[in-house]
Amino acid sequence: MTTESPRWFTSSYSDNGGNCIEVATNLATPHGLIPVRDSKNPHGPTLTLPTHAFTSFLTGVKAGEFATA
């Protein structure tokens, strides 16, 4: 990805018993990337999205476009 280390955080709205993701937005401006990982597995795989794809995902979530189980 980059030599810059991601600074991970979980949203302050995440209070759902540990079913959260963490994001590292510090790489958005310099690299156009937003890494995402499972907060329960911080040493596991990371999904790195282009900034525009992450923004589209958030827009869909806020609009209720994704079904919940």
PDB file of N, CA and C in Angstrom:
ATOM      1  N   MET A   1       0.845  -1.178   0.000  1.00  0.00           N
ATOM      2  CA  MET A   1       0.000   0.000   0.000  1.00  0.00           C
ATOM      3  C   MET A   1       0.888   1.240   0.000  1.00  0.00           C
ATOM      4  N   THR A   2       1.352   1.679   1.165  1.00  0.00           N
ATOM      5  CA  THR A   2       2.237   2.837   1.262  1.00  0.00           C
ATOM      6  C   THR A   2       3.209   2.590   2.412  1.00  0.00           C
ATOM      7  N   THR A   3       4.190   3.451   2.533  1.00  0.00           N
ATOM      8  CA  THR A   3       5.098   3.347   3.671  1.00  0.00           C
ATOM      9  C   THR A   3       4.529   4.067   4.887  1.00  0.00           C
ATOM     10  N   GLU A   4       3.515   4.895   4.705  1.00  0.00           N
ATOM     11  CA  GLU A   4       2.864   5.584   5.817  1.00  0.00           C
ATOM     12  C   GLU A   4       1.954   4.606   6.553  1.00  0.00           C
ATOM     13  N   SER A   5       2.003   4.630   7.879  1.00  0.00           N
ATOM     14  CA  SER A   5       1.190   3.709   8.672  1.00  0.00           C
ATOM     15  C   SER A   5      -0.239   4.211   8.813  1.00  0.00           C
ATOM     16  N   PRO A   6      -1.215   3.316   8.653  1.00  0.00           N
ATOM     17  CA  PRO A   6      -2.605   3.701   8.876  1.00  0.00           C
ATOM     18  C   PRO A   6      -2.841   4.032  10.349  1.00  0.00           C
ATOM     19  N   ARG A   7      -3.651   5.046  10.605  1.00  0.00           N
ATOM     20  CA  ARG A   7      -4.088   5.384  11.960  1.00  0.00           C
ATOM     21  C   ARG A   7      -5.553   4.946  12.061  1.00  0.00           C
ATOM     22  N   TRP A   8      -5.767   3.812  12.690  1.00  0.00           N
ATOM     23  CA  TRP A   8      -7.082   3.170  12.728  1.00  0.00           C
ATOM     24  C   TRP A   8      -7.995   3.815  13.749  1.00  0.00           C
ATOM     25  N   PHE A   9      -9.294   3.888  13.418  1.00  0.00           N
ATOM     26  CA  PHE A   9     -10.287   4.317  14.393  1.00  0.00           C
ATOM     27  C   PHE A   9     -11.625   3.671  14.072  1.00  0.00           C
ATOM     28  N   THR A  10     -12.447   3.585  15.089  1.00  0.00           N
ATOM     29  CA  THR A  10     -13.812   3.075  14.964  1.00  0.00           C
ATOM     30  C   THR A  10     -14.744   4.250  15.203  1.00  0.00           C
ATOM     31  N   SER A  11     -15.818   4.320  14.472  1.00  0.00           N
ATOM     32  CA  SER A  11     -16.779   5.406  14.602  1.00  0.00           C
ATOM     33  C   SER A  11     -17.310   5.514  16.024  1.00  0.00           C
ATOM     34  N   SER A  12     -17.561   6.725  16.458  1.00  0.00           N
ATOM     35  CA  SER A  12     -18.168   6.929  17.774  1.00  0.00           C
ATOM     36  C   SER A  12     -19.605   6.408  17.808  1.00  0.00           C
ATOM     37  N   TYR A  13     -20.197   6.150  16.660  1.00  0.00           N
ATOM     38  CA  TYR A  13     -21.550   5.588  16.586  1.00  0.00           C
ATOM     39  C   TYR A  13     -21.538   4.071  16.747  1.00  0.00           C
ATOM     40  N   SER A  14     -20.371   3.465  16.755  1.00  0.00           N
ATOM     41  CA  SER A  14     -20.257   2.009  16.846  1.00  0.00           C
ATOM     42  C   SER A  14     -20.384   1.572  18.294  1.00  0.00           C
ATOM     43  N   ASP A  15     -21.569   1.132  18.642  1.00  0.00           N
ATOM     44  CA  ASP A  15     -21.820   0.610  19.978  1.00  0.00           C
ATOM     45  C   ASP A  15     -22.735  -0.594  19.837  1.00  0.00           C
ATOM     46  N   ASN A  16     -22.295  -1.540  18.988  1.00  0.00           N
ATOM     47  CA  ASN A  16     -23.155  -2.667  18.660  1.00  0.00           C
ATOM     48  C   ASN A  16     -22.574  -4.004  19.112  1.00  0.00           C
ATOM     49  N   GLY A  17     -21.828  -4.011  20.172  1.00  0.00           N
ATOM     50  CA  GLY A  17     -21.323  -5.272  20.698  1.00  0.00           C
ATOM     51  C   GLY A  17     -20.117  -5.841  19.984  1.00  0.00           C
ATOM     52  N   GLY A  18     -19.365  -5.025  19.291  1.00  0.00           N
ATOM     53  CA  GLY A  18     -18.129  -5.486  18.674  1.00  0.00           C
ATOM     54  C   GLY A  18     -18.211  -5.821  17.199  1.00  0.00           C
ATOM     55  N   ASN A  19     -19.354  -5.672  16.591  1.00  0.00           N
ATOM     56  CA  ASN A  19     -19.483  -5.928  15.153  1.00  0.00           C
ATOM     57  C   ASN A  19     -19.184  -4.646  14.384  1.00  0.00           C
ATOM     58  N   CYS A  20     -17.929  -4.242  14.412  1.00  0.00           N
ATOM     59  CA  CYS A  20     -17.533  -2.952  13.849  1.00  0.00           C
ATOM     60  C   CYS A  20     -16.425  -3.127  12.812  1.00  0.00           C
ATOM     61  N   ILE A  21     -16.249  -2.090  12.055  1.00  0.00           N
ATOM     62  CA  ILE A  21     -15.076  -1.992  11.208  1.00  0.00           C
ATOM     63  C   ILE A  21     -14.250  -0.817  11.698  1.00  0.00           C
ATOM     64  N   GLU A  22     -12.983  -0.846  11.353  1.00  0.00           N
ATOM     65  CA  GLU A  22     -12.093   0.275  11.618  1.00  0.00           C
ATOM     66  C   GLU A  22     -11.623   0.806  10.271  1.00  0.00           C
ATOM     67  N   VAL A  23     -11.435   2.101  10.196  1.00  0.00           N
ATOM     68  CA  VAL A  23     -10.939   2.723   8.976  1.00  0.00           C
ATOM     69  C   VAL A  23      -9.730   3.580   9.313  1.00  0.00           C
ATOM     70  N   ALA A  24      -8.923   3.855   8.304  1.00  0.00           N
ATOM     71  CA  ALA A  24      -7.745   4.711   8.467  1.00  0.00           C
ATOM     72  C   ALA A  24      -7.843   5.820   7.428  1.00  0.00           C
ATOM     73  N   THR A  25      -8.500   6.899   7.801  1.00  0.00           N
ATOM     74  CA  THR A  25      -8.728   7.987   6.845  1.00  0.00           C
ATOM     75  C   THR A  25      -7.507   8.869   6.630  1.00  0.00           C
ATOM     76  N   ASN A  26      -6.451   8.665   7.410  1.00  0.00           N
ATOM     77  CA  ASN A  26      -5.263   9.504   7.235  1.00  0.00           C
ATOM     78  C   ASN A  26      -4.577   9.287   5.883  1.00  0.00           C
ATOM     79  N   LEU A  27      -4.915   8.196   5.191  1.00  0.00           N
ATOM     80  CA  LEU A  27      -4.302   7.939   3.886  1.00  0.00           C
ATOM     81  C   LEU A  27      -5.150   8.455   2.727  1.00  0.00           C
ATOM     82  N   ALA A  28      -6.336   9.002   3.027  1.00  0.00           N
ATOM     83  CA  ALA A  28      -7.238   9.451   1.974  1.00  0.00           C
ATOM     84  C   ALA A  28      -6.663  10.613   1.165  1.00  0.00           C
ATOM     85  N   THR A  29      -6.217  11.648   1.825  1.00  0.00           N
ATOM     86  CA  THR A  29      -5.719  12.820   1.106  1.00  0.00           C
ATOM     87  C   THR A  29      -4.398  12.559   0.390  1.00  0.00           C
ATOM     88  N   PRO A  30      -3.385  12.010   1.064  1.00  0.00           N
ATOM     89  CA  PRO A  30      -2.110  11.849   0.359  1.00  0.00           C
ATOM     90  C   PRO A  30      -2.078  10.731  -0.687  1.00  0.00           C
ATOM     91  N   HIS A  31      -2.949   9.704  -0.513  1.00  0.00           N
ATOM     92  CA  HIS A  31      -2.851   8.541  -1.391  1.00  0.00           C
ATOM     93  C   HIS A  31      -4.147   8.163  -2.094  1.00  0.00           C
ATOM     94  N   GLY A  32      -5.272   8.781  -1.719  1.00  0.00           N
ATOM     95  CA  GLY A  32      -6.557   8.456  -2.331  1.00  0.00           C
ATOM     96  C   GLY A  32      -7.078   7.088  -1.946  1.00  0.00           C
ATOM     97  N   LEU A  33      -6.663   6.592  -0.775  1.00  0.00           N
ATOM     98  CA  LEU A  33      -7.026   5.251  -0.331  1.00  0.00           C
ATOM     99  C   LEU A  33      -7.588   5.287   1.083  1.00  0.00           C
ATOM    100  N   ILE A  34      -8.533   4.362   1.360  1.00  0.00           N
ATOM    101  CA  ILE A  34      -9.045   4.206   2.712  1.00  0.00           C
ATOM    102  C   ILE A  34      -9.012   2.715   3.054  1.00  0.00           C
ATOM    103  N   PRO A  35      -8.078   2.312   3.932  1.00  0.00           N
ATOM    104  CA  PRO A  35      -8.045   0.926   4.382  1.00  0.00           C
ATOM    105  C   PRO A  35      -9.176   0.672   5.384  1.00  0.00           C
ATOM    106  N   VAL A  36      -9.728  -0.545   5.336  1.00  0.00           N
ATOM    107  CA  VAL A  36     -10.820  -0.961   6.219  1.00  0.00           C
ATOM    108  C   VAL A  36     -10.450  -2.333   6.775  1.00  0.00           C
ATOM    109  N   ARG A  37     -10.744  -2.564   8.060  1.00  0.00           N
ATOM    110  CA  ARG A  37     -10.483  -3.877   8.654  1.00  0.00           C
ATOM    111  C   ARG A  37     -11.543  -4.191   9.708  1.00  0.00           C
ATOM    112  N   ASP A  38     -11.624  -5.450  10.081  1.00  0.00           N
ATOM    113  CA  ASP A  38     -12.533  -5.923  11.117  1.00  0.00           C
ATOM    114  C   ASP A  38     -11.940  -5.569  12.473  1.00  0.00           C
ATOM    115  N   SER A  39     -12.694  -4.873  13.303  1.00  0.00           N
ATOM    116  CA  SER A  39     -12.163  -4.453  14.598  1.00  0.00           C
ATOM    117  C   SER A  39     -11.873  -5.636  15.516  1.00  0.00           C
ATOM    118  N   LYS A  40     -12.525  -6.787  15.296  1.00  0.00           N
ATOM    119  CA  LYS A  40     -12.277  -7.968  16.115  1.00  0.00           C
ATOM    120  C   LYS A  40     -11.011  -8.710  15.697  1.00  0.00           C
ATOM    121  N   ASN A  41     -10.471  -8.379  14.529  1.00  0.00           N
ATOM    122  CA  ASN A  41      -9.292  -9.075  14.006  1.00  0.00           C
ATOM    123  C   ASN A  41      -8.298  -8.048  13.450  1.00  0.00           C
ATOM    124  N   PRO A  42      -7.690  -7.233  14.320  1.00  0.00           N
ATOM    125  CA  PRO A  42      -6.826  -6.154  13.844  1.00  0.00           C
ATOM    126  C   PRO A  42      -5.568  -6.606  13.112  1.00  0.00           C
ATOM    127  N   HIS A  43      -5.203  -7.867  13.253  1.00  0.00           N
ATOM    128  CA  HIS A  43      -4.022  -8.376  12.549  1.00  0.00           C
ATOM    129  C   HIS A  43      -4.412  -9.180  11.314  1.00  0.00           C
ATOM    130  N   GLY A  44      -5.702  -9.207  11.014  1.00  0.00           N
ATOM    131  CA  GLY A  44      -6.197  -9.946   9.861  1.00  0.00           C
ATOM    132  C   GLY A  44      -6.095  -9.123   8.585  1.00  0.00           C
ATOM    133  N   PRO A  45      -6.792  -9.557   7.554  1.00  0.00           N
ATOM    134  CA  PRO A  45      -6.714  -8.879   6.255  1.00  0.00           C
ATOM    135  C   PRO A  45      -7.313  -7.474   6.289  1.00  0.00           C
ATOM    136  N   THR A  46      -6.831  -6.652   5.390  1.00  0.00           N
ATOM    137  CA  THR A  46      -7.303  -5.282   5.230  1.00  0.00           C
ATOM    138  C   THR A  46      -7.820  -5.113   3.813  1.00  0.00           C
ATOM    139  N   LEU A  47      -8.961  -4.476   3.692  1.00  0.00           N
ATOM    140  CA  LEU A  47      -9.516  -4.126   2.391  1.00  0.00           C
ATOM    141  C   LEU A  47      -9.192  -2.656   2.154  1.00  0.00           C
ATOM    142  N   THR A  48      -8.499  -2.356   1.073  1.00  0.00           N
ATOM    143  CA  THR A  48      -8.136  -0.972   0.772  1.00  0.00           C
ATOM    144  C   THR A  48      -8.967  -0.490  -0.413  1.00  0.00           C
ATOM    145  N   LEU A  49      -9.737   0.555  -0.165  1.00  0.00           N
ATOM    146  CA  LEU A  49     -10.648   1.089  -1.174  1.00  0.00           C
ATOM    147  C   LEU A  49     -10.185   2.451  -1.671  1.00  0.00           C
ATOM    148  N   PRO A  50     -10.404   2.742  -2.957  1.00  0.00           N
ATOM    149  CA  PRO A  50     -10.199   4.110  -3.414  1.00  0.00           C
ATOM    150  C   PRO A  50     -11.190   5.023  -2.677  1.00  0.00           C
ATOM    151  N   THR A  51     -10.804   6.241  -2.432  1.00  0.00           N
ATOM    152  CA  THR A  51     -11.641   7.178  -1.686  1.00  0.00           C
ATOM    153  C   THR A  51     -13.041   7.285  -2.270  1.00  0.00           C
ATOM    154  N   HIS A  52     -13.165   7.366  -3.595  1.00  0.00           N
ATOM    155  CA  HIS A  52     -14.489   7.521  -4.211  1.00  0.00           C
ATOM    156  C   HIS A  52     -15.368   6.301  -3.958  1.00  0.00           C
ATOM    157  N   ALA A  53     -14.792   5.103  -3.911  1.00  0.00           N
ATOM    158  CA  ALA A  53     -15.573   3.894  -3.641  1.00  0.00           C
ATOM    159  C   ALA A  53     -16.062   3.879  -2.191  1.00  0.00           C
ATOM    160  N   PHE A  54     -15.225   4.290  -1.255  1.00  0.00           N
ATOM    161  CA  PHE A  54     -15.632   4.336   0.139  1.00  0.00           C
ATOM    162  C   PHE A  54     -16.730   5.373   0.342  1.00  0.00           C
ATOM    163  N   THR A  55     -16.602   6.509  -0.317  1.00  0.00           N
ATOM    164  CA  THR A  55     -17.628   7.549  -0.232  1.00  0.00           C
ATOM    165  C   THR A  55     -18.958   7.038  -0.774  1.00  0.00           C
ATOM    166  N   SER A  56     -18.933   6.322  -1.881  1.00  0.00           N
ATOM    167  CA  SER A  56     -20.159   5.738  -2.449  1.00  0.00           C
ATOM    168  C   SER A  56     -20.778   4.729  -1.485  1.00  0.00           C
ATOM    169  N   PHE A  57     -19.940   3.922  -0.845  1.00  0.00           N
ATOM    170  CA  PHE A  57     -20.427   2.960   0.138  1.00  0.00           C
ATOM    171  C   PHE A  57     -21.123   3.676   1.290  1.00  0.00           C
ATOM    172  N   LEU A  58     -20.501   4.702   1.850  1.00  0.00           N
ATOM    173  CA  LEU A  58     -21.107   5.439   2.957  1.00  0.00           C
ATOM    174  C   LEU A  58     -22.425   6.090   2.548  1.00  0.00           C
ATOM    175  N   THR A  59     -22.476   6.615   1.347  1.00  0.00           N
ATOM    176  CA  THR A  59     -23.717   7.222   0.848  1.00  0.00           C
ATOM    177  C   THR A  59     -24.828   6.178   0.803  1.00  0.00           C
ATOM    178  N   GLY A  60     -24.506   4.977   0.331  1.00  0.00           N
ATOM    179  CA  GLY A  60     -25.485   3.889   0.289  1.00  0.00           C
ATOM    180  C   GLY A  60     -25.943   3.460   1.673  1.00  0.00           C
ATOM    181  N   VAL A  61     -25.028   3.383   2.617  1.00  0.00           N
ATOM    182  CA  VAL A  61     -25.383   3.013   3.983  1.00  0.00           C
ATOM    183  C   VAL A  61     -26.343   4.044   4.568  1.00  0.00           C
ATOM    184  N   LYS A  62     -26.003   5.319   4.422  1.00  0.00           N
ATOM    185  CA  LYS A  62     -26.845   6.395   4.969  1.00  0.00           C
ATOM    186  C   LYS A  62     -28.221   6.420   4.315  1.00  0.00           C
ATOM    187  N   ALA A  63     -28.309   5.998   3.063  1.00  0.00           N
ATOM    188  CA  ALA A  63     -29.592   5.992   2.352  1.00  0.00           C
ATOM    189  C   ALA A  63     -30.388   4.719   2.607  1.00  0.00           C
ATOM    190  N   GLY A  64     -29.828   3.774   3.375  1.00  0.00           N
ATOM    191  CA  GLY A  64     -30.531   2.538   3.687  1.00  0.00           C
ATOM    192  C   GLY A  64     -30.590   1.570   2.509  1.00  0.00           C
ATOM    193  N   GLU A  65     -29.594   1.607   1.641  1.00  0.00           N
ATOM    194  CA  GLU A  65     -29.609   0.765   0.444  1.00  0.00           C
ATOM    195  C   GLU A  65     -29.164  -0.677   0.695  1.00  0.00           C
ATOM    196  N   PHE A  66     -28.718  -0.986   1.899  1.00  0.00           N
ATOM    197  CA  PHE A  66     -28.235  -2.328   2.191  1.00  0.00           C
ATOM    198  C   PHE A  66     -29.165  -2.992   3.197  1.00  0.00           C
ATOM    199  N   ALA A  67     -29.595  -4.193   2.880  1.00  0.00           N
ATOM    200  CA  ALA A  67     -30.480  -4.920   3.788  1.00  0.00           C
ATOM    201  C   ALA A  67     -29.702  -5.397   5.002  1.00  0.00           C
ATOM    202  N   THR A  68     -30.367  -5.489   6.129  1.00  0.00           N
ATOM    203  CA  THR A  68     -29.742  -6.020   7.330  1.00  0.00           C
ATOM    204  C   THR A  68     -30.361  -7.368   7.654  1.00  0.00           C
ATOM    205  N   ALA A  69     -29.565  -8.199   8.266  1.00  0.00           N
ATOM    206  CA  ALA A  69     -30.037  -9.564   8.585  1.00  0.00           C
ATOM    207  C   ALA A  69     -30.725  -9.599   9.921  1.00  0.00           C
TER     208      ALA A  69
END
